[in-house]
Amino acid sequence: AKESDATLVLIGHITKQGSIAGPKVIEHMVDATLV
């Protein structure tokens, strides 16, 4: 996406505890996190 100047939007799930599912590292890899 950065090489082609595309805006990339990834949809993520929410766990029962209310946190974003999947490895926490994803939140550090992206430029913005919206809930």
All heavy atoms as atom14 arrays in JSON, in Angstrom:
{
  "sequence": "AKESDATLVLIGHITKQGSIAGPKVIEHMVDATLV",
  "atom14_mask": [
    [1, 1, 1, 1, 1, 0, 0, 0, 0, 0, 0, 0, 0, 0],
    [1, 1, 1, 1, 1, 1, 1, 1, 1, 0, 0, 0, 0, 0],
    [1, 1, 1, 1, 1, 1, 1, 1, 1, 0, 0, 0, 0, 0],
    [1, 1, 1, 1, 1, 1, 0, 0, 0, 0, 0, 0, 0, 0],
    [1, 1, 1, 1, 1, 1, 1, 1, 0, 0, 0, 0, 0, 0],
    [1, 1, 1, 1, 1, 0, 0, 0, 0, 0, 0, 0, 0, 0],
    [1, 1, 1, 1, 1, 1, 1, 0, 0, 0, 0, 0, 0, 0],
    [1, 1, 1, 1, 1, 1, 1, 1, 0, 0, 0, 0, 0, 0],
    [1, 1, 1, 1, 1, 1, 1, 0, 0, 0, 0, 0, 0, 0],
    [1, 1, 1, 1, 1, 1, 1, 1, 0, 0, 0, 0, 0, 0],
    [1, 1, 1, 1, 1, 1, 1, 1, 0, 0, 0, 0, 0, 0],
    [1, 1, 1, 1, 0, 0, 0, 0, 0, 0, 0, 0, 0, 0],
    [1, 1, 1, 1, 1, 1, 1, 1, 1, 1, 0, 0, 0, 0],
    [1, 1, 1, 1, 1, 1, 1, 1, 0, 0, 0, 0, 0, 0],
    [1, 1, 1, 1, 1, 1, 1, 0, 0, 0, 0, 0, 0, 0],
    [1, 1, 1, 1, 1, 1, 1, 1, 1, 0, 0, 0, 0, 0],
    [1, 1, 1, 1, 1, 1, 1, 1, 1, 0, 0, 0, 0, 0],
    [1, 1, 1, 1, 0, 0, 0, 0, 0, 0, 0, 0, 0, 0],
    [1, 1, 1, 1, 1, 1, 0, 0, 0, 0, 0, 0, 0, 0],
    [1, 1, 1, 1, 1, 1, 1, 1, 0, 0, 0, 0, 0, 0],
    [1, 1, 1, 1, 1, 0, 0, 0, 0, 0, 0, 0, 0, 0],
    [1, 1, 1, 1, 0, 0, 0, 0, 0, 0, 0, 0, 0, 0],
    [1, 1, 1, 1, 1, 1, 1, 0, 0, 0, 0, 0, 0, 0],
    [1, 1, 1, 1, 1, 1, 1, 1, 1, 0, 0, 0, 0, 0],
    [1, 1, 1, 1, 1, 1, 1, 0, 0, 0, 0, 0, 0, 0],
    [1, 1, 1, 1, 1, 1, 1, 1, 0, 0, 0, 0, 0, 0],
    [1, 1, 1, 1, 1, 1, 1, 1, 1, 0, 0, 0, 0, 0],
    [1, 1, 1, 1, 1, 1, 1, 1, 1, 1, 0, 0, 0, 0],
    [1, 1, 1, 1, 1, 1, 1, 1, 0, 0, 0, 0, 0, 0],
    [1, 1, 1, 1, 1, 1, 1, 0, 0, 0, 0, 0, 0, 0],
    [1, 1, 1, 1, 1, 1, 1, 1, 0, 0, 0, 0, 0, 0],
    [1, 1, 1, 1, 1, 0, 0, 0, 0, 0, 0, 0, 0, 0],
    [1, 1, 1, 1, 1, 1, 1, 0, 0, 0, 0, 0, 0, 0],
    [1, 1, 1, 1, 1, 1, 1, 1, 0, 0, 0, 0, 0, 0],
    [1, 1, 1, 1, 1, 1, 1, 0, 0, 0, 0, 0, 0, 0]
  ],
  "atom14_positions": [
    [[0.82, -1.21, 0.0], [0.0, 0.0, 0.0], [0.86, 1.26, 0.0], [0.57, 2.23, -0.7], [-0.93, -0.01, 1.22], [0.0, 0.0, 0.0], [0.0, 0.0, 0.0], [0.0, 0.0, 0.0], [0.0, 0.0, 0.0], [0.0, 0.0, 0.0], [0.0, 0.0, 0.0], [0.0, 0.0, 0.0], [0.0, 0.0, 0.0], [0.0, 0.0, 0.0]],
    [[1.93, 1.26, 0.77], [2.79, 2.44, 0.82], [3.56, 2.62, -0.49], [3.82, 3.75, -0.91], [3.75, 2.31, 2.01], [3.05, 2.39, 3.37], [4.01, 2.36, 4.51], [3.28, 2.42, 5.85], [2.47, 3.64, 6.02], [0.0, 0.0, 0.0], [0.0, 0.0, 0.0], [0.0, 0.0, 0.0], [0.0, 0.0, 0.0], [0.0, 0.0, 0.0]],
    [[3.93, 1.52, -1.13], [4.62, 1.63, -2.41], [3.7, 2.15, -3.52], [4.16, 2.85, -4.43], [5.2, 0.27, -2.81], [6.35, -0.19, -1.91], [6.85, -1.57, -2.31], [6.32, -2.12, -3.3], [7.76, -2.09, -1.63], [0.0, 0.0, 0.0], [0.0, 0.0, 0.0], [0.0, 0.0, 0.0], [0.0, 0.0, 0.0], [0.0, 0.0, 0.0]],
    [[2.43, 1.81, -3.45], [1.48, 2.21, -4.5], [0.62, 3.41, -4.1], [-0.3, 3.77, -4.84], [0.57, 1.04, -4.86], [-0.16, 0.6, -3.73], [0.0, 0.0, 0.0], [0.0, 0.0, 0.0], [0.0, 0.0, 0.0], [0.0, 0.0, 0.0], [0.0, 0.0, 0.0], [0.0, 0.0, 0.0], [0.0, 0.0, 0.0], [0.0, 0.0, 0.0]],
    [[0.89, 4.03, -2.92], [0.14, 5.19, -2.43], [-1.35, 4.88, -2.29], [-2.21, 5.72, -2.57], [0.32, 6.4, -3.35], [1.64, 7.11, -3.1], [2.21, 6.91, -2.01], [2.08, 7.87, -3.97], [0.0, 0.0, 0.0], [0.0, 0.0, 0.0], [0.0, 0.0, 0.0], [0.0, 0.0, 0.0], [0.0, 0.0, 0.0], [0.0, 0.0, 0.0]],
    [[-1.67, 3.68, -1.83], [-3.06, 3.3, -1.6], [-3.39, 3.44, -0.12], [-2.54, 3.18, 0.74], [-3.31, 1.87, -2.06], [0.0, 0.0, 0.0], [0.0, 0.0, 0.0], [0.0, 0.0, 0.0], [0.0, 0.0, 0.0], [0.0, 0.0, 0.0], [0.0, 0.0, 0.0], [0.0, 0.0, 0.0], [0.0, 0.0, 0.0], [0.0, 0.0, 0.0]],
    [[-4.6, 3.83, 0.19], [-5.08, 3.85, 1.57], [-5.62, 2.48, 1.9], [-6.56, 2.0, 1.26], [-6.17, 4.92, 1.77], [-5.64, 6.21, 1.45], [-6.66, 4.92, 3.2], [0.0, 0.0, 0.0], [0.0, 0.0, 0.0], [0.0, 0.0, 0.0], [0.0, 0.0, 0.0], [0.0, 0.0, 0.0], [0.0, 0.0, 0.0], [0.0, 0.0, 0.0]],
    [[-5.03, 1.82, 2.89], [-5.38, 0.45, 3.25], [-6.15, 0.46, 4.57], [-5.67, 1.0, 5.57], [-4.14, -0.42, 3.38], [-4.33, -1.86, 3.86], [-5.14, -2.66, 2.84], [-2.97, -2.53, 4.11], [0.0, 0.0, 0.0], [0.0, 0.0, 0.0], [0.0, 0.0, 0.0], [0.0, 0.0, 0.0], [0.0, 0.0, 0.0], [0.0, 0.0, 0.0]],
    [[-7.36, -0.1, 4.57], [-8.19, -0.18, 5.76], [-8.4, -1.65, 6.11], [-8.94, -2.42, 5.3], [-9.56, 0.5, 5.57], [-10.35, 0.47, 6.87], [-9.36, 1.94, 5.1], [0.0, 0.0, 0.0], [0.0, 0.0, 0.0], [0.0, 0.0, 0.0], [0.0, 0.0, 0.0], [0.0, 0.0, 0.0], [0.0, 0.0, 0.0], [0.0, 0.0, 0.0]],
    [[-7.96, -2.04, 7.3], [-8.1, -3.41, 7.78], [-9.19, -3.46, 8.84], [-9.16, -2.69, 9.81], [-6.78, -3.91, 8.38], [-5.53, -3.78, 7.49], [-4.28, -4.09, 8.31], [-5.63, -4.7, 6.29], [0.0, 0.0, 0.0], [0.0, 0.0, 0.0], [0.0, 0.0, 0.0], [0.0, 0.0, 0.0], [0.0, 0.0, 0.0], [0.0, 0.0, 0.0]],
    [[-10.13, -4.37, 8.69], [-11.17, -4.55, 9.7], [-10.69, -5.6, 10.69], [-10.22, -6.67, 10.31], [-12.5, -4.98, 9.05], [-13.07, -3.85, 8.21], [-13.52, -5.39, 10.11], [-14.39, -4.17, 7.56], [0.0, 0.0, 0.0], [0.0, 0.0, 0.0], [0.0, 0.0, 0.0], [0.0, 0.0, 0.0], [0.0, 0.0, 0.0], [0.0, 0.0, 0.0]],
    [[-10.81, -5.29, 11.98], [-10.41, -6.21, 13.04], [-11.56, -6.49, 13.98], [-12.52, -5.72, 14.07], [0.0, 0.0, 0.0], [0.0, 0.0, 0.0], [0.0, 0.0, 0.0], [0.0, 0.0, 0.0], [0.0, 0.0, 0.0], [0.0, 0.0, 0.0], [0.0, 0.0, 0.0], [0.0, 0.0, 0.0], [0.0, 0.0, 0.0], [0.0, 0.0, 0.0]],
    [[-11.47, -7.61, 14.68], [-12.54, -8.01, 15.6], [-12.25, -7.51, 17.01], [-11.12, -7.14, 17.35], [-12.69, -9.53, 15.62], [-13.09, -10.11, 14.3], [-14.21, -9.69, 13.63], [-12.52, -11.07, 13.53], [-14.33, -10.37, 12.5], [-13.3, -11.21, 12.41], [0.0, 0.0, 0.0], [0.0, 0.0, 0.0], [0.0, 0.0, 0.0], [0.0, 0.0, 0.0]],
    [[-13.27, -7.52, 17.84], [-13.17, -7.17, 19.25], [-13.42, -8.42, 20.08], [-14.36, -9.18, 19.82], [-14.2, -6.08, 19.63], [-13.82, -4.75, 18.99], [-14.32, -5.92, 21.13], [-12.6, -4.1, 19.59], [0.0, 0.0, 0.0], [0.0, 0.0, 0.0], [0.0, 0.0, 0.0], [0.0, 0.0, 0.0], [0.0, 0.0, 0.0], [0.0, 0.0, 0.0]],
    [[-12.58, -8.66, 21.1], [-12.74, -9.82, 21.96], [-13.85, -9.57, 22.99], [-14.38, -8.48, 23.12], [-11.42, -10.13, 22.69], [-11.1, -9.03, 23.56], [-10.3, -10.33, 21.7], [0.0, 0.0, 0.0], [0.0, 0.0, 0.0], [0.0, 0.0, 0.0], [0.0, 0.0, 0.0], [0.0, 0.0, 0.0], [0.0, 0.0, 0.0], [0.0, 0.0, 0.0]],
    [[-14.17, -10.61, 23.77], [-15.18, -10.47, 24.81], [-14.76, -9.47, 25.88], [-15.6, -8.88, 26.55], [-15.45, -11.84, 25.46], [-16.08, -12.85, 24.52], [-16.33, -14.17, 25.23], [-16.98, -15.18, 24.29], [-17.21, -16.49, 24.97], [0.0, 0.0, 0.0], [0.0, 0.0, 0.0], [0.0, 0.0, 0.0], [0.0, 0.0, 0.0], [0.0, 0.0, 0.0]],
    [[-13.45, -9.3, 26.06], [-12.95, -8.36, 27.05], [-12.95, -6.92, 26.54], [-12.63, -6.0, 27.28], [-11.53, -8.74, 27.48], [-11.43, -10.02, 28.29], [-11.62, -11.27, 27.43], [-11.33, -11.25, 26.23], [-12.1, -12.34, 28.04], [0.0, 0.0, 0.0], [0.0, 0.0, 0.0], [0.0, 0.0, 0.0], [0.0, 0.0, 0.0], [0.0, 0.0, 0.0]],
    [[-13.32, -6.72, 25.25], [-13.4, -5.37, 24.71], [-12.14, -4.88, 24.04], [-12.09, -3.75, 23.57], [0.0, 0.0, 0.0], [0.0, 0.0, 0.0], [0.0, 0.0, 0.0], [0.0, 0.0, 0.0], [0.0, 0.0, 0.0], [0.0, 0.0, 0.0], [0.0, 0.0, 0.0], [0.0, 0.0, 0.0], [0.0, 0.0, 0.0], [0.0, 0.0, 0.0]],
    [[-11.1, -5.72, 23.95], [-9.87, -5.32, 23.29], [-9.86, -5.83, 21.85], [-10.65, -6.7, 21.48], [-8.65, -5.87, 24.04], [-8.7, -7.28, 24.11], [0.0, 0.0, 0.0], [0.0, 0.0, 0.0], [0.0, 0.0, 0.0], [0.0, 0.0, 0.0], [0.0, 0.0, 0.0], [0.0, 0.0, 0.0], [0.0, 0.0, 0.0], [0.0, 0.0, 0.0]],
    [[-8.95, -5.26, 21.05], [-8.87, -5.65, 19.64], [-8.27, -7.04, 19.54], [-7.2, -7.31, 20.11], [-8.03, -4.64, 18.86], [-8.68, -3.25, 18.95], [-7.89, -5.06, 17.41], [-7.88, -2.16, 18.28], [0.0, 0.0, 0.0], [0.0, 0.0, 0.0], [0.0, 0.0, 0.0], [0.0, 0.0, 0.0], [0.0, 0.0, 0.0], [0.0, 0.0, 0.0]],
    [[-8.94, -7.93, 18.82], [-8.47, -9.3, 18.7], [-7.22, -9.37, 17.84], [-6.93, -8.49, 17.04], [-9.58, -10.18, 18.1], [0.0, 0.0, 0.0], [0.0, 0.0, 0.0], [0.0, 0.0, 0.0], [0.0, 0.0, 0.0], [0.0, 0.0, 0.0], [0.0, 0.0, 0.0], [0.0, 0.0, 0.0], [0.0, 0.0, 0.0], [0.0, 0.0, 0.0]],
    [[-6.48, -10.48, 18.01], [-5.25, -10.64, 17.24], [-4.04, -10.13, 18.0], [-4.16, -9.59, 19.1], [0.0, 0.0, 0.0], [0.0, 0.0, 0.0], [0.0, 0.0, 0.0], [0.0, 0.0, 0.0], [0.0, 0.0, 0.0], [0.0, 0.0, 0.0], [0.0, 0.0, 0.0], [0.0, 0.0, 0.0], [0.0, 0.0, 0.0], [0.0, 0.0, 0.0]],
    [[-2.86, -10.28, 17.43], [-1.65, -9.83, 18.12], [-1.62, -8.32, 18.31], [-2.04, -7.56, 17.44], [-0.52, -10.3, 17.2], [-1.16, -10.46, 15.86], [-2.57, -10.87, 16.12], [0.0, 0.0, 0.0], [0.0, 0.0, 0.0], [0.0, 0.0, 0.0], [0.0, 0.0, 0.0], [0.0, 0.0, 0.0], [0.0, 0.0, 0.0], [0.0, 0.0, 0.0]],
    [[-1.14, -7.9, 19.45], [-1.05, -6.47, 19.75], [-0.13, -5.75, 18.78], [-0.24, -4.53, 18.58], [-0.54, -6.29, 21.18], [-0.65, -4.89, 21.74], [-2.09, -4.55, 22.06], [-2.19, -3.2, 22.74], [-3.59, -2.81, 23.01], [0.0, 0.0, 0.0], [0.0, 0.0, 0.0], [0.0, 0.0, 0.0], [0.0, 0.0, 0.0], [0.0, 0.0, 0.0]],
    [[0.74, -6.5, 18.13], [1.72, -5.89, 17.22], [1.04, -5.2, 16.05], [1.6, -4.27, 15.47], [2.72, -6.95, 16.73], [2.06, -7.94, 15.79], [3.9, -6.3, 16.04], [0.0, 0.0, 0.0], [0.0, 0.0, 0.0], [0.0, 0.0, 0.0], [0.0, 0.0, 0.0], [0.0, 0.0, 0.0], [0.0, 0.0, 0.0], [0.0, 0.0, 0.0]],
    [[-0.18, -5.62, 15.69], [-0.88, -4.99, 14.56], [-1.1, -3.51, 14.83], [-0.95, -2.67, 13.95], [-2.22, -5.69, 14.3], [-2.0, -7.11, 13.82], [-3.02, -4.94, 13.24], [-3.26, -7.83, 13.51], [0.0, 0.0, 0.0], [0.0, 0.0, 0.0], [0.0, 0.0, 0.0], [0.0, 0.0, 0.0], [0.0, 0.0, 0.0], [0.0, 0.0, 0.0]],
    [[-1.47, -3.17, 16.08], [-1.73, -1.78, 16.41], [-0.49, -0.92, 16.27], [-0.58, 0.29, 16.06], [-2.31, -1.67, 17.81], [-3.65, -2.39, 17.98], [-4.22, -2.23, 19.35], [-4.39, -1.07, 19.8], [-4.49, -3.25, 20.0], [0.0, 0.0, 0.0], [0.0, 0.0, 0.0], [0.0, 0.0, 0.0], [0.0, 0.0, 0.0], [0.0, 0.0, 0.0]],
    [[0.69, -1.53, 16.43], [1.94, -0.78, 16.26], [2.34, -0.67, 14.79], [3.07, 0.24, 14.42], [3.07, -1.46, 17.05], [2.81, -1.53, 18.52], [2.91, -0.44, 19.35], [2.43, -2.56, 19.31], [2.62, -0.79, 20.59], [2.33, -2.07, 20.59], [0.0, 0.0, 0.0], [0.0, 0.0, 0.0], [0.0, 0.0, 0.0], [0.0, 0.0, 0.0]],
    [[1.84, -1.58, 13.96], [2.22, -1.58, 12.55], [1.39, -0.6, 11.73], [1.83, -0.17, 10.66], [2.07, -3.0, 11.98], [2.99, -4.02, 12.62], [2.61, -5.72, 12.11], [2.98, -5.65, 10.37], [0.0, 0.0, 0.0], [0.0, 0.0, 0.0], [0.0, 0.0, 0.0], [0.0, 0.0, 0.0], [0.0, 0.0, 0.0], [0.0, 0.0, 0.0]],
    [[0.19, -0.27, 12.18], [-0.69, 0.59, 11.41], [-0.48, 2.05, 11.8], [0.09, 2.36, 12.84], [-2.16, 0.19, 11.62], [-2.39, -1.24, 11.17], [-2.58, 0.37, 13.07], [0.0, 0.0, 0.0], [0.0, 0.0, 0.0], [0.0, 0.0, 0.0], [0.0, 0.0, 0.0], [0.0, 0.0, 0.0], [0.0, 0.0, 0.0], [0.0, 0.0, 0.0]],
    [[-0.94, 2.94, 10.93], [-0.81, 4.38, 11.18], [-1.94, 4.92, 12.04], [-1.76, 5.94, 12.72], [-0.78, 5.14, 9.85], [0.41, 4.74, 8.98], [1.53, 4.7, 9.52], [0.2, 4.44, 7.8], [0.0, 0.0, 0.0], [0.0, 0.0, 0.0], [0.0, 0.0, 0.0], [0.0, 0.0, 0.0], [0.0, 0.0, 0.0], [0.0, 0.0, 0.0]],
    [[-3.09, 4.29, 12.0], [-4.23, 4.78, 12.77], [-5.08, 3.59, 13.2], [-5.21, 2.6, 12.48], [-5.08, 5.76, 11.95], [0.0, 0.0, 0.0], [0.0, 0.0, 0.0], [0.0, 0.0, 0.0], [0.0, 0.0, 0.0], [0.0, 0.0, 0.0], [0.0, 0.0, 0.0], [0.0, 0.0, 0.0], [0.0, 0.0, 0.0], [0.0, 0.0, 0.0]],
    [[-5.65, 3.72, 14.4], [-6.56, 2.71, 14.92], [-7.87, 3.38, 15.29], [-7.89, 4.28, 16.14], [-5.98, 2.01, 16.16], [-4.73, 1.39, 15.82], [-6.93, 0.95, 16.68], [0.0, 0.0, 0.0], [0.0, 0.0, 0.0], [0.0, 0.0, 0.0], [0.0, 0.0, 0.0], [0.0, 0.0, 0.0], [0.0, 0.0, 0.0], [0.0, 0.0, 0.0]],
    [[-8.94, 2.98, 14.63], [-10.27, 3.51, 14.9], [-11.13, 2.4, 15.49], [-11.0, 1.24, 15.13], [-10.93, 4.04, 13.62], [-10.15, 5.05, 12.78], [-11.02, 5.54, 11.62], [-9.66, 6.21, 13.62], [0.0, 0.0, 0.0], [0.0, 0.0, 0.0], [0.0, 0.0, 0.0], [0.0, 0.0, 0.0], [0.0, 0.0, 0.0], [0.0, 0.0, 0.0]],
    [[-12.01, 2.79, 16.41], [-12.92, 1.84, 17.05], [-14.34, 2.35, 16.87], [-14.64, 3.52, 17.13], [-12.6, 1.68, 18.55], [-13.61, 0.76, 19.21], [-11.19, 1.13, 18.74], [0.0, 0.0, 0.0], [0.0, 0.0, 0.0], [0.0, 0.0, 0.0], [0.0, 0.0, 0.0], [0.0, 0.0, 0.0], [0.0, 0.0, 0.0], [0.0, 0.0, 0.0]]
  ]
}
